[in-house]
Amino acid sequence: MANTIEQKSFEFAVKIVRLKDYLIESSKEYDIARQLLRSGTSIGANVAEAQQAQSQADFLTKMNIALKETTETKFWLRLLIATNKLSKEETETILKDCIEIEKMLYAIVKTTKNNISK
């Protein structure tokens, strides 16, 4: 994979799939696990799709969707902590990864918006 955001979002998706499996095995948590899987893997899918965008506007749309999915994923991770489905220690690394990806996507979206408006 050529670029950092694509690589990080793919690696994050792998962690999300593993976390979903763990949630189902350890606490039989199906509903939140399914939501987490959907939003957490959607980040990387939208980043990957953006790499083949037909225009800057198309690229911006895909990256904005990825950014929104990052925010949703962060919500599900925080909810898992708040409901004691996972400990703070269990989610510390993946939550940190999510926040890092969110910051990267925010910067990409901001830069792209600035480039489009020029």
PDB file of N, CA and C in Angstrom:
ATOM      1  N   MET A   1       0.843  -1.186   0.000  1.00  0.00           N
ATOM      2  CA  MET A   1       0.000   0.000   0.000  1.00  0.00           C
ATOM      3  C   MET A   1       0.881   1.238   0.000  1.00  0.00           C
ATOM      4  N   ALA A   2       0.550   2.127  -0.872  1.00  0.00           N
ATOM      5  CA  ALA A   2       1.414   3.267  -1.107  1.00  0.00           C
ATOM      6  C   ALA A   2       1.294   4.374  -0.070  1.00  0.00           C
ATOM      7  N   ASN A   3       0.082   4.672   0.392  1.00  0.00           N
ATOM      8  CA  ASN A   3       0.003   5.824   1.278  1.00  0.00           C
ATOM      9  C   ASN A   3      -0.381   5.449   2.708  1.00  0.00           C
ATOM     10  N   THR A   4      -0.014   6.326   3.609  1.00  0.00           N
ATOM     11  CA  THR A   4      -0.137   6.068   5.042  1.00  0.00           C
ATOM     12  C   THR A   4      -1.579   5.883   5.486  1.00  0.00           C
ATOM     13  N   ILE A   5      -2.486   6.744   5.058  1.00  0.00           N
ATOM     14  CA  ILE A   5      -3.867   6.641   5.517  1.00  0.00           C
ATOM     15  C   ILE A   5      -4.503   5.340   5.028  1.00  0.00           C
ATOM     16  N   GLU A   6      -4.172   4.931   3.830  1.00  0.00           N
ATOM     17  CA  GLU A   6      -4.721   3.681   3.308  1.00  0.00           C
ATOM     18  C   GLU A   6      -4.195   2.493   4.121  1.00  0.00           C
ATOM     19  N   GLN A   7      -2.915   2.515   4.424  1.00  0.00           N
ATOM     20  CA  GLN A   7      -2.310   1.431   5.204  1.00  0.00           C
ATOM     21  C   GLN A   7      -2.878   1.405   6.629  1.00  0.00           C
ATOM     22  N   LYS A   8      -2.915   2.553   7.278  1.00  0.00           N
ATOM     23  CA  LYS A   8      -3.400   2.616   8.662  1.00  0.00           C
ATOM     24  C   LYS A   8      -4.875   2.227   8.760  1.00  0.00           C
ATOM     25  N   SER A   9      -5.682   2.664   7.812  1.00  0.00           N
ATOM     26  CA  SER A   9      -7.104   2.332   7.867  1.00  0.00           C
ATOM     27  C   SER A   9      -7.338   0.845   7.588  1.00  0.00           C
ATOM     28  N   PHE A  10      -6.500   0.225   6.757  1.00  0.00           N
ATOM     29  CA  PHE A  10      -6.605  -1.217   6.525  1.00  0.00           C
ATOM     30  C   PHE A  10      -6.217  -1.989   7.791  1.00  0.00           C
ATOM     31  N   GLU A  11      -5.083  -1.613   8.385  1.00  0.00           N
ATOM     32  CA  GLU A  11      -4.642  -2.274   9.621  1.00  0.00           C
ATOM     33  C   GLU A  11      -5.674  -2.104  10.731  1.00  0.00           C
ATOM     34  N   PHE A  12      -6.306  -0.936  10.778  1.00  0.00           N
ATOM     35  CA  PHE A  12      -7.354  -0.678  11.764  1.00  0.00           C
ATOM     36  C   PHE A  12      -8.545  -1.601  11.519  1.00  0.00           C
ATOM     37  N   ALA A  13      -8.921  -1.785  10.260  1.00  0.00           N
ATOM     38  CA  ALA A  13     -10.034  -2.678   9.922  1.00  0.00           C
ATOM     39  C   ALA A  13      -9.757  -4.106  10.383  1.00  0.00           C
ATOM     40  N   VAL A  14      -8.514  -4.546  10.229  1.00  0.00           N
ATOM     41  CA  VAL A  14      -8.133  -5.889  10.695  1.00  0.00           C
ATOM     42  C   VAL A  14      -8.336  -5.986  12.212  1.00  0.00           C
ATOM     43  N   LYS A  15      -7.917  -4.957  12.941  1.00  0.00           N
ATOM     44  CA  LYS A  15      -8.101  -4.942  14.403  1.00  0.00           C
ATOM     45  C   LYS A  15      -9.578  -4.953  14.771  1.00  0.00           C
ATOM     46  N   ILE A  16     -10.382  -4.241  14.012  1.00  0.00           N
ATOM     47  CA  ILE A  16     -11.829  -4.178  14.271  1.00  0.00           C
ATOM     48  C   ILE A  16     -12.462  -5.555  14.063  1.00  0.00           C
ATOM     49  N   VAL A  17     -12.071  -6.249  13.012  1.00  0.00           N
ATOM     50  CA  VAL A  17     -12.604  -7.595  12.765  1.00  0.00           C
ATOM     51  C   VAL A  17     -12.248  -8.513  13.930  1.00  0.00           C
ATOM     52  N   ARG A  18     -11.020  -8.428  14.393  1.00  0.00           N
ATOM     53  CA  ARG A  18     -10.593  -9.255  15.526  1.00  0.00           C
ATOM     54  C   ARG A  18     -11.341  -8.874  16.811  1.00  0.00           C
ATOM     55  N   LEU A  19     -11.556  -7.581  17.008  1.00  0.00           N
ATOM     56  CA  LEU A  19     -12.284  -7.128  18.185  1.00  0.00           C
ATOM     57  C   LEU A  19     -13.730  -7.612  18.142  1.00  0.00           C
ATOM     58  N   LYS A  20     -14.345  -7.560  16.978  1.00  0.00           N
ATOM     59  CA  LYS A  20     -15.715  -8.067  16.822  1.00  0.00           C
ATOM     60  C   LYS A  20     -15.773  -9.535  17.214  1.00  0.00           C
ATOM     61  N   ASP A  21     -14.831 -10.336  16.737  1.00  0.00           N
ATOM     62  CA  ASP A  21     -14.793 -11.758  17.085  1.00  0.00           C
ATOM     63  C   ASP A  21     -14.643 -11.948  18.594  1.00  0.00           C
ATOM     64  N   TYR A  22     -13.774 -11.152  19.195  1.00  0.00           N
ATOM     65  CA  TYR A  22     -13.541 -11.225  20.635  1.00  0.00           C
ATOM     66  C   TYR A  22     -14.816 -10.875  21.412  1.00  0.00           C
ATOM     67  N   LEU A  23     -15.513  -9.836  20.988  1.00  0.00           N
ATOM     68  CA  LEU A  23     -16.742  -9.418  21.668  1.00  0.00           C
ATOM     69  C   LEU A  23     -17.807 -10.514  21.621  1.00  0.00           C
ATOM     70  N   ILE A  24     -17.924 -11.149  20.494  1.00  0.00           N
ATOM     71  CA  ILE A  24     -18.916 -12.209  20.346  1.00  0.00           C
ATOM     72  C   ILE A  24     -18.528 -13.423  21.187  1.00  0.00           C
ATOM     73  N   GLU A  25     -17.257 -13.776  21.176  1.00  0.00           N
ATOM     74  CA  GLU A  25     -16.795 -14.932  21.954  1.00  0.00           C
ATOM     75  C   GLU A  25     -16.854 -14.668  23.456  1.00  0.00           C
ATOM     76  N   SER A  26     -16.363 -13.524  23.887  1.00  0.00           N
ATOM     77  CA  SER A  26     -16.207 -13.264  25.323  1.00  0.00           C
ATOM     78  C   SER A  26     -17.498 -12.855  26.025  1.00  0.00           C
ATOM     79  N   SER A  27     -18.319 -12.045  25.360  1.00  0.00           N
ATOM     80  CA  SER A  27     -19.503 -11.545  26.062  1.00  0.00           C
ATOM     81  C   SER A  27     -20.797 -11.719  25.280  1.00  0.00           C
ATOM     82  N   LYS A  28     -20.727 -12.444  24.184  1.00  0.00           N
ATOM     83  CA  LYS A  28     -21.918 -12.666  23.341  1.00  0.00           C
ATOM     84  C   LYS A  28     -22.575 -11.345  22.942  1.00  0.00           C
ATOM     85  N   GLU A  29     -21.742 -10.327  22.733  1.00  0.00           N
ATOM     86  CA  GLU A  29     -22.220  -9.001  22.344  1.00  0.00           C
ATOM     87  C   GLU A  29     -22.283  -8.933  20.820  1.00  0.00           C
ATOM     88  N   TYR A  30     -23.486  -9.165  20.280  1.00  0.00           N
ATOM     89  CA  TYR A  30     -23.662  -9.210  18.832  1.00  0.00           C
ATOM     90  C   TYR A  30     -24.018  -7.862  18.229  1.00  0.00           C
ATOM     91  N   ASP A  31     -24.905  -7.112  18.868  1.00  0.00           N
ATOM     92  CA  ASP A  31     -25.425  -5.887  18.275  1.00  0.00           C
ATOM     93  C   ASP A  31     -24.363  -4.803  18.133  1.00  0.00           C
ATOM     94  N   ILE A  32     -23.701  -4.476  19.215  1.00  0.00           N
ATOM     95  CA  ILE A  32     -22.661  -3.444  19.143  1.00  0.00           C
ATOM     96  C   ILE A  32     -21.490  -3.941  18.302  1.00  0.00           C
ATOM     97  N   ALA A  33     -21.172  -5.223  18.420  1.00  0.00           N
ATOM     98  CA  ALA A  33     -20.072  -5.792  17.622  1.00  0.00           C
ATOM     99  C   ALA A  33     -20.349  -5.621  16.133  1.00  0.00           C
ATOM    100  N   ARG A  34     -21.591  -5.841  15.735  1.00  0.00           N
ATOM    101  CA  ARG A  34     -21.963  -5.702  14.321  1.00  0.00           C
ATOM    102  C   ARG A  34     -21.861  -4.240  13.874  1.00  0.00           C
ATOM    103  N   GLN A  35     -22.315  -3.324  14.731  1.00  0.00           N
ATOM    104  CA  GLN A  35     -22.227  -1.888  14.415  1.00  0.00           C
ATOM    105  C   GLN A  35     -20.767  -1.443  14.307  1.00  0.00           C
ATOM    106  N   LEU A  36     -19.968  -1.920  15.258  1.00  0.00           N
ATOM    107  CA  LEU A  36     -18.539  -1.596  15.269  1.00  0.00           C
ATOM    108  C   LEU A  36     -17.859  -2.126  14.008  1.00  0.00           C
ATOM    109  N   LEU A  37     -18.192  -3.346  13.630  1.00  0.00           N
ATOM    110  CA  LEU A  37     -17.621  -3.945  12.418  1.00  0.00           C
ATOM    111  C   LEU A  37     -17.980  -3.116  11.189  1.00  0.00           C
ATOM    112  N   ARG A  38     -19.238  -2.717  11.097  1.00  0.00           N
ATOM    113  CA  ARG A  38     -19.687  -1.951   9.939  1.00  0.00           C
ATOM    114  C   ARG A  38     -18.967  -0.610   9.828  1.00  0.00           C
ATOM    115  N   SER A  39     -18.954   0.148  10.925  1.00  0.00           N
ATOM    116  CA  SER A  39     -18.342   1.486  10.856  1.00  0.00           C
ATOM    117  C   SER A  39     -16.818   1.405  10.799  1.00  0.00           C
ATOM    118  N   GLY A  40     -16.235   0.494  11.560  1.00  0.00           N
ATOM    119  CA  GLY A  40     -14.773   0.410  11.626  1.00  0.00           C
ATOM    120  C   GLY A  40     -14.116  -0.066  10.347  1.00  0.00           C
ATOM    121  N   THR A  41     -14.803  -0.932   9.600  1.00  0.00           N
ATOM    122  CA  THR A  41     -14.240  -1.393   8.327  1.00  0.00           C
ATOM    123  C   THR A  41     -14.604  -0.447   7.185  1.00  0.00           C
ATOM    124  N   SER A  42     -15.663   0.311   7.365  1.00  0.00           N
ATOM    125  CA  SER A  42     -16.076   1.268   6.352  1.00  0.00           C
ATOM    126  C   SER A  42     -15.041   2.389   6.166  1.00  0.00           C
ATOM    127  N   ILE A  43     -14.319   2.688   7.221  1.00  0.00           N
ATOM    128  CA  ILE A  43     -13.281   3.732   7.136  1.00  0.00           C
ATOM    129  C   ILE A  43     -12.297   3.371   6.020  1.00  0.00           C
ATOM    130  N   GLY A  44     -11.711   2.198   6.133  1.00  0.00           N
ATOM    131  CA  GLY A  44     -10.724   1.758   5.145  1.00  0.00           C
ATOM    132  C   GLY A  44     -11.308   1.563   3.762  1.00  0.00           C
ATOM    133  N   ALA A  45     -12.542   1.062   3.702  1.00  0.00           N
ATOM    134  CA  ALA A  45     -13.183   0.862   2.401  1.00  0.00           C
ATOM    135  C   ALA A  45     -13.369   2.194   1.677  1.00  0.00           C
ATOM    136  N   ASN A  46     -13.775   3.222   2.399  1.00  0.00           N
ATOM    137  CA  ASN A  46     -13.951   4.538   1.770  1.00  0.00           C
ATOM    138  C   ASN A  46     -12.623   5.176   1.400  1.00  0.00           C
ATOM    139  N   VAL A  47     -11.617   4.985   2.234  1.00  0.00           N
ATOM    140  CA  VAL A  47     -10.278   5.501   1.894  1.00  0.00           C
ATOM    141  C   VAL A  47      -9.772   4.818   0.631  1.00  0.00           C
ATOM    142  N   ALA A  48      -9.945   3.505   0.548  1.00  0.00           N
ATOM    143  CA  ALA A  48      -9.505   2.757  -0.636  1.00  0.00           C
ATOM    144  C   ALA A  48     -10.260   3.223  -1.880  1.00  0.00           C
ATOM    145  N   GLU A  49     -11.559   3.408  -1.729  1.00  0.00           N
ATOM    146  CA  GLU A  49     -12.372   3.859  -2.856  1.00  0.00           C
ATOM    147  C   GLU A  49     -11.963   5.264  -3.301  1.00  0.00           C
ATOM    148  N   ALA A  50     -11.588   6.108  -2.360  1.00  0.00           N
ATOM    149  CA  ALA A  50     -11.166   7.473  -2.680  1.00  0.00           C
ATOM    150  C   ALA A  50      -9.922   7.488  -3.559  1.00  0.00           C
ATOM    151  N   GLN A  51      -9.121   6.443  -3.475  1.00  0.00           N
ATOM    152  CA  GLN A  51      -7.899   6.385  -4.278  1.00  0.00           C
ATOM    153  C   GLN A  51      -8.216   6.303  -5.771  1.00  0.00           C
ATOM    154  N   GLN A  52      -9.423   5.885  -6.096  1.00  0.00           N
ATOM    155  CA  GLN A  52      -9.848   5.789  -7.496  1.00  0.00           C
ATOM    156  C   GLN A  52     -10.901   6.847  -7.840  1.00  0.00           C
ATOM    157  N   ALA A  53     -10.911   7.920  -7.078  1.00  0.00           N
ATOM    158  CA  ALA A  53     -11.908   8.974  -7.283  1.00  0.00           C
ATOM    159  C   ALA A  53     -11.812   9.555  -8.689  1.00  0.00           C
ATOM    160  N   GLN A  54     -12.963   9.949  -9.225  1.00  0.00           N
ATOM    161  CA  GLN A  54     -13.013  10.506 -10.577  1.00  0.00           C
ATOM    162  C   GLN A  54     -12.742  12.004 -10.597  1.00  0.00           C
ATOM    163  N   SER A  55     -12.777  12.620  -9.416  1.00  0.00           N
ATOM    164  CA  SER A  55     -12.519  14.060  -9.320  1.00  0.00           C
ATOM    165  C   SER A  55     -12.117  14.380  -7.884  1.00  0.00           C
ATOM    166  N   GLN A  56     -11.671  15.595  -7.675  1.00  0.00           N
ATOM    167  CA  GLN A  56     -11.348  16.017  -6.313  1.00  0.00           C
ATOM    168  C   GLN A  56     -12.603  16.030  -5.441  1.00  0.00           C
ATOM    169  N   ALA A  57     -13.729  16.402  -6.021  1.00  0.00           N
ATOM    170  CA  ALA A  57     -14.988  16.421  -5.273  1.00  0.00           C
ATOM    171  C   ALA A  57     -15.381  14.998  -4.855  1.00  0.00           C
ATOM    172  N   ASP A  58     -15.192  14.039  -5.741  1.00  0.00           N
ATOM    173  CA  ASP A  58     -15.475  12.635  -5.431  1.00  0.00           C
ATOM    174  C   ASP A  58     -14.539  12.143  -4.326  1.00  0.00           C
ATOM    175  N   PHE A  59     -13.261  12.506  -4.435  1.00  0.00           N
ATOM    176  CA  PHE A  59     -12.268  12.153  -3.409  1.00  0.00           C
ATOM    177  C   PHE A  59     -12.686  12.726  -2.051  1.00  0.00           C
ATOM    178  N   LEU A  60     -13.080  13.993  -2.056  1.00  0.00           N
ATOM    179  CA  LEU A  60     -13.497  14.667  -0.821  1.00  0.00           C
ATOM    180  C   LEU A  60     -14.724  13.985  -0.208  1.00  0.00           C
ATOM    181  N   THR A  61     -15.665  13.603  -1.030  1.00  0.00           N
ATOM    182  CA  THR A  61     -16.863  12.913  -0.530  1.00  0.00           C
ATOM    183  C   THR A  61     -16.492  11.617   0.173  1.00  0.00           C
ATOM    184  N   LYS A  62     -15.646  10.815  -0.440  1.00  0.00           N
ATOM    185  CA  LYS A  62     -15.243   9.528   0.155  1.00  0.00           C
ATOM    186  C   LYS A  62     -14.462   9.740   1.452  1.00  0.00           C
ATOM    187  N   MET A  63     -13.594  10.715   1.466  1.00  0.00           N
ATOM    188  CA  MET A  63     -12.818  10.982   2.677  1.00  0.00           C
ATOM    189  C   MET A  63     -13.702  11.533   3.793  1.00  0.00           C
ATOM    190  N   ASN A  64     -14.700  12.327   3.434  1.00  0.00           N
ATOM    191  CA  ASN A  64     -15.657  12.818   4.435  1.00  0.00           C
ATOM    192  C   ASN A  64     -16.460  11.668   5.032  1.00  0.00           C
ATOM    193  N   ILE A  65     -16.854  10.719   4.207  1.00  0.00           N
ATOM    194  CA  ILE A  65     -17.572   9.545   4.706  1.00  0.00           C
ATOM    195  C   ILE A  65     -16.665   8.758   5.650  1.00  0.00           C
ATOM    196  N   ALA A  66     -15.409   8.572   5.266  1.00  0.00           N
ATOM    197  CA  ALA A  66     -14.450   7.864   6.121  1.00  0.00           C
ATOM    198  C   ALA A  66     -14.299   8.586   7.459  1.00  0.00           C
ATOM    199  N   LEU A  67     -14.249   9.908   7.427  1.00  0.00           N
ATOM    200  CA  LEU A  67     -14.139  10.698   8.656  1.00  0.00           C
ATOM    201  C   LEU A  67     -15.371  10.499   9.544  1.00  0.00           C
ATOM    202  N   LYS A  68     -16.553  10.524   8.957  1.00  0.00           N
ATOM    203  CA  LYS A  68     -17.784  10.297   9.724  1.00  0.00           C
ATOM    204  C   LYS A  68     -17.802   8.894  10.339  1.00  0.00           C
ATOM    205  N   GLU A  69     -17.347   7.907   9.577  1.00  0.00           N
ATOM    206  CA  GLU A  69     -17.315   6.536  10.088  1.00  0.00           C
ATOM    207  C   GLU A  69     -16.321   6.407  11.244  1.00  0.00           C
ATOM    208  N   THR A  70     -15.258   7.182  11.207  1.00  0.00           N
ATOM    209  CA  THR A  70     -14.288   7.191  12.301  1.00  0.00           C
ATOM    210  C   THR A  70     -14.942   7.722  13.572  1.00  0.00           C
ATOM    211  N   THR A  71     -15.711   8.779  13.438  1.00  0.00           N
ATOM    212  CA  THR A  71     -16.422   9.346  14.573  1.00  0.00           C
ATOM    213  C   THR A  71     -17.413   8.333  15.149  1.00  0.00           C
ATOM    214  N   GLU A  72     -18.121   7.636  14.279  1.00  0.00           N
ATOM    215  CA  GLU A  72     -19.070   6.622  14.741  1.00  0.00           C
ATOM    216  C   GLU A  72     -18.339   5.468  15.443  1.00  0.00           C
ATOM    217  N   THR A  73     -17.234   5.045  14.889  1.00  0.00           N
ATOM    218  CA  THR A  73     -16.459   3.949  15.484  1.00  0.00           C
ATOM    219  C   THR A  73     -15.974   4.331  16.873  1.00  0.00           C
ATOM    220  N   LYS A  74     -15.524   5.564  17.009  1.00  0.00           N
ATOM    221  CA  LYS A  74     -15.095   6.071  18.316  1.00  0.00           C
ATOM    222  C   LYS A  74     -16.247   6.008  19.312  1.00  0.00           C
ATOM    223  N   PHE A  75     -17.446   6.331  18.868  1.00  0.00           N
ATOM    224  CA  PHE A  75     -18.633   6.254  19.729  1.00  0.00           C
ATOM    225  C   PHE A  75     -18.845   4.828  20.228  1.00  0.00           C
ATOM    226  N   TRP A  76     -18.797   3.847  19.333  1.00  0.00           N
ATOM    227  CA  TRP A  76     -19.029   2.453  19.724  1.00  0.00           C
ATOM    228  C   TRP A  76     -17.952   1.971  20.687  1.00  0.00           C
ATOM    229  N   LEU A  77     -16.722   2.367  20.460  1.00  0.00           N
ATOM    230  CA  LEU A  77     -15.640   1.966  21.376  1.00  0.00           C
ATOM    231  C   LEU A  77     -15.869   2.563  22.767  1.00  0.00           C
ATOM    232  N   ARG A  78     -16.248   3.841  22.814  1.00  0.00           N
ATOM    233  CA  ARG A  78     -16.522   4.480  24.103  1.00  0.00           C
ATOM    234  C   ARG A  78     -17.721   3.837  24.794  1.00  0.00           C
ATOM    235  N   LEU A  79     -18.730   3.445  24.014  1.00  0.00           N
ATOM    236  CA  LEU A  79     -19.906   2.790  24.573  1.00  0.00           C
ATOM    237  C   LEU A  79     -19.547   1.424  25.169  1.00  0.00           C
ATOM    238  N   LEU A  80     -18.679   0.696  24.498  1.00  0.00           N
ATOM    239  CA  LEU A  80     -18.232  -0.603  25.019  1.00  0.00           C
ATOM    240  C   LEU A  80     -17.518  -0.444  26.358  1.00  0.00           C
ATOM    241  N   ILE A  81     -16.762   0.621  26.503  1.00  0.00           N
ATOM    242  CA  ILE A  81     -16.081   0.899  27.777  1.00  0.00           C
ATOM    243  C   ILE A  81     -17.122   1.277  28.839  1.00  0.00           C
ATOM    244  N   ALA A  82     -18.027   2.181  28.478  1.00  0.00           N
ATOM    245  CA  ALA A  82     -19.017   2.683  29.443  1.00  0.00           C
ATOM    246  C   ALA A  82     -19.969   1.594  29.934  1.00  0.00           C
ATOM    247  N   THR A  83     -20.215   0.588  29.120  1.00  0.00           N
ATOM    248  CA  THR A  83     -21.131  -0.494  29.502  1.00  0.00           C
ATOM    249  C   THR A  83     -20.388  -1.720  30.037  1.00  0.00           C
ATOM    250  N   ASN A  84     -19.090  -1.551  30.263  1.00  0.00           N
ATOM    251  CA  ASN A  84     -18.245  -2.622  30.815  1.00  0.00           C
ATOM    252  C   ASN A  84     -18.181  -3.876  29.960  1.00  0.00           C
ATOM    253  N   LYS A  85     -18.391  -3.727  28.662  1.00  0.00           N
ATOM    254  CA  LYS A  85     -18.207  -4.853  27.740  1.00  0.00           C
ATOM    255  C   LYS A  85     -16.721  -5.057  27.463  1.00  0.00           C
ATOM    256  N   LEU A  86     -15.978  -3.945  27.549  1.00  0.00           N
ATOM    257  CA  LEU A  86     -14.520  -3.968  27.413  1.00  0.00           C
ATOM    258  C   LEU A  86     -13.942  -3.021  28.455  1.00  0.00           C
ATOM    259  N   SER A  87     -12.754  -3.333  28.905  1.00  0.00           N
ATOM    260  CA  SER A  87     -12.090  -2.424  29.842  1.00  0.00           C
ATOM    261  C   SER A  87     -11.385  -1.324  29.053  1.00  0.00           C
ATOM    262  N   LYS A  88     -11.069  -0.255  29.742  1.00  0.00           N
ATOM    263  CA  LYS A  88     -10.342   0.848  29.119  1.00  0.00           C
ATOM    264  C   LYS A  88      -8.996   0.353  28.584  1.00  0.00           C
ATOM    265  N   GLU A  89      -8.372  -0.556  29.320  1.00  0.00           N
ATOM    266  CA  GLU A  89      -7.074  -1.109  28.917  1.00  0.00           C
ATOM    267  C   GLU A  89      -7.212  -1.912  27.620  1.00  0.00           C
ATOM    268  N   GLU A  90      -8.324  -2.653  27.485  1.00  0.00           N
ATOM    269  CA  GLU A  90      -8.533  -3.468  26.289  1.00  0.00           C
ATOM    270  C   GLU A  90      -8.735  -2.621  25.033  1.00  0.00           C
ATOM    271  N   THR A  91      -9.263  -1.431  25.199  1.00  0.00           N
ATOM    272  CA  THR A  91      -9.550  -0.591  24.033  1.00  0.00           C
ATOM    273  C   THR A  91      -8.568   0.557  23.844  1.00  0.00           C
ATOM    274  N   GLU A  92      -7.624   0.701  24.755  1.00  0.00           N
ATOM    275  CA  GLU A  92      -6.708   1.852  24.709  1.00  0.00           C
ATOM    276  C   GLU A  92      -5.997   1.980  23.362  1.00  0.00           C
ATOM    277  N   THR A  93      -5.410   0.903  22.879  1.00  0.00           N
ATOM    278  CA  THR A  93      -4.638   0.954  21.630  1.00  0.00           C
ATOM    279  C   THR A  93      -5.539   1.209  20.434  1.00  0.00           C
ATOM    280  N   ILE A  94      -6.651   0.497  20.348  1.00  0.00           N
ATOM    281  CA  ILE A  94      -7.522   0.649  19.184  1.00  0.00           C
ATOM    282  C   ILE A  94      -8.198   2.023  19.187  1.00  0.00           C
ATOM    283  N   LEU A  95      -8.512   2.543  20.360  1.00  0.00           N
ATOM    284  CA  LEU A  95      -9.088   3.885  20.449  1.00  0.00           C
ATOM    285  C   LEU A  95      -8.055   4.937  20.030  1.00  0.00           C
ATOM    286  N   LYS A  96      -6.822   4.732  20.441  1.00  0.00           N
ATOM    287  CA  LYS A  96      -5.738   5.640  20.048  1.00  0.00           C
ATOM    288  C   LYS A  96      -5.541   5.608  18.525  1.00  0.00           C
ATOM    289  N   ASP A  97      -5.601   4.415  17.937  1.00  0.00           N
ATOM    290  CA  ASP A  97      -5.496   4.281  16.481  1.00  0.00           C
ATOM    291  C   ASP A  97      -6.634   5.014  15.783  1.00  0.00           C
ATOM    292  N   CYS A  98      -7.834   4.867  16.323  1.00  0.00           N
ATOM    293  CA  CYS A  98      -9.014   5.513  15.749  1.00  0.00           C
ATOM    294  C   CYS A  98      -8.858   7.033  15.764  1.00  0.00           C
ATOM    295  N   ILE A  99      -8.397   7.566  16.864  1.00  0.00           N
ATOM    296  CA  ILE A  99      -8.193   9.010  16.990  1.00  0.00           C
ATOM    297  C   ILE A  99      -7.104   9.489  16.027  1.00  0.00           C
ATOM    298  N   GLU A 100      -6.036   8.709  15.871  1.00  0.00           N
ATOM    299  CA  GLU A 100      -4.967   9.067  14.929  1.00  0.00           C
ATOM    300  C   GLU A 100      -5.499   9.111  13.497  1.00  0.00           C
ATOM    301  N   ILE A 101      -6.284   8.112  13.124  1.00  0.00           N
ATOM    302  CA  ILE A 101      -6.875   8.079  11.780  1.00  0.00           C
ATOM    303  C   ILE A 101      -7.836   9.248  11.595  1.00  0.00           C
ATOM    304  N   GLU A 102      -8.611   9.545  12.622  1.00  0.00           N
ATOM    305  CA  GLU A 102      -9.541  10.674  12.566  1.00  0.00           C
ATOM    306  C   GLU A 102      -8.788  11.983  12.301  1.00  0.00           C
ATOM    307  N   LYS A 103      -7.683  12.191  12.992  1.00  0.00           N
ATOM    308  CA  LYS A 103      -6.887  13.413  12.791  1.00  0.00           C
ATOM    309  C   LYS A 103      -6.315  13.469  11.382  1.00  0.00           C
ATOM    310  N   MET A 104      -5.841  12.332  10.891  1.00  0.00           N
ATOM    311  CA  MET A 104      -5.298  12.291   9.531  1.00  0.00           C
ATOM    312  C   MET A 104      -6.379  12.615   8.508  1.00  0.00           C
ATOM    313  N   LEU A 105      -7.539  12.003   8.673  1.00  0.00           N
ATOM    314  CA  LEU A 105      -8.643  12.239   7.736  1.00  0.00           C
ATOM    315  C   LEU A 105      -9.114  13.684   7.800  1.00  0.00           C
ATOM    316  N   TYR A 106      -9.172  14.244   8.997  1.00  0.00           N
ATOM    317  CA  TYR A 106      -9.570  15.648   9.133  1.00  0.00           C
ATOM    318  C   TYR A 106      -8.609  16.549   8.345  1.00  0.00           C
ATOM    319  N   ALA A 107      -7.321  16.285   8.477  1.00  0.00           N
ATOM    320  CA  ALA A 107      -6.321  17.087   7.757  1.00  0.00           C
ATOM    321  C   ALA A 107      -6.460  16.913   6.241  1.00  0.00           C
ATOM    322  N   ILE A 108      -6.704  15.697   5.796  1.00  0.00           N
ATOM    323  CA  ILE A 108      -6.882  15.437   4.360  1.00  0.00           C
ATOM    324  C   ILE A 108      -8.120  16.162   3.838  1.00  0.00           C
ATOM    325  N   VAL A 109      -9.210  16.081   4.579  1.00  0.00           N
ATOM    326  CA  VAL A 109     -10.454  16.744   4.176  1.00  0.00           C
ATOM    327  C   VAL A 109     -10.251  18.252   4.117  1.00  0.00           C
ATOM    328  N   LYS A 110      -9.628  18.810   5.136  1.00  0.00           N
ATOM    329  CA  LYS A 110      -9.392  20.264   5.190  1.00  0.00           C
ATOM    330  C   LYS A 110      -8.521  20.721   4.021  1.00  0.00           C
ATOM    331  N   THR A 111      -7.439  20.005   3.780  1.00  0.00           N
ATOM    332  CA  THR A 111      -6.532  20.355   2.678  1.00  0.00           C
ATOM    333  C   THR A 111      -7.236  20.240   1.327  1.00  0.00           C
ATOM    334  N   THR A 112      -7.995  19.181   1.151  1.00  0.00           N
ATOM    335  CA  THR A 112      -8.715  18.985  -0.110  1.00  0.00           C
ATOM    336  C   THR A 112      -9.743  20.083  -0.331  1.00  0.00           C
ATOM    337  N   LYS A 113     -10.475  20.461   0.732  1.00  0.00           N
ATOM    338  CA  LYS A 113     -11.450  21.556   0.613  1.00  0.00           C
ATOM    339  C   LYS A 113     -10.754  22.846   0.200  1.00  0.00           C
ATOM    340  N   ASN A 114      -9.607  23.113   0.810  1.00  0.00           N
ATOM    341  CA  ASN A 114      -8.848  24.321   0.468  1.00  0.00           C
ATOM    342  C   ASN A 114      -8.389  24.292  -0.983  1.00  0.00           C
ATOM    343  N   ASN A 115      -7.958  23.133  -1.463  1.00  0.00           N
ATOM    344  CA  ASN A 115      -7.504  23.002  -2.851  1.00  0.00           C
ATOM    345  C   ASN A 115      -8.652  23.159  -3.838  1.00  0.00           C
ATOM    346  N   ILE A 116      -9.801  22.666  -3.502  1.00  0.00           N
ATOM    347  CA  ILE A 116     -10.967  22.776  -4.380  1.00  0.00           C
ATOM    348  C   ILE A 116     -11.446  24.222  -4.467  1.00  0.00           C
ATOM    349  N   SER A 117     -11.379  24.941  -3.356  1.00  0.00           N
ATOM    350  CA  SER A 117     -11.891  26.314  -3.343  1.00  0.00           C
ATOM    351  C   SER A 117     -10.938  27.316  -3.983  1.00  0.00           C
ATOM    352  N   LYS A 118      -9.749  26.890  -4.341  1.00  0.00           N
ATOM    353  CA  LYS A 118      -8.780  27.824  -4.968  1.00  0.00           C
ATOM    354  C   LYS A 118      -9.078  28.037  -6.430  1.00  0.00           C
TER     355      LYS A 118
END
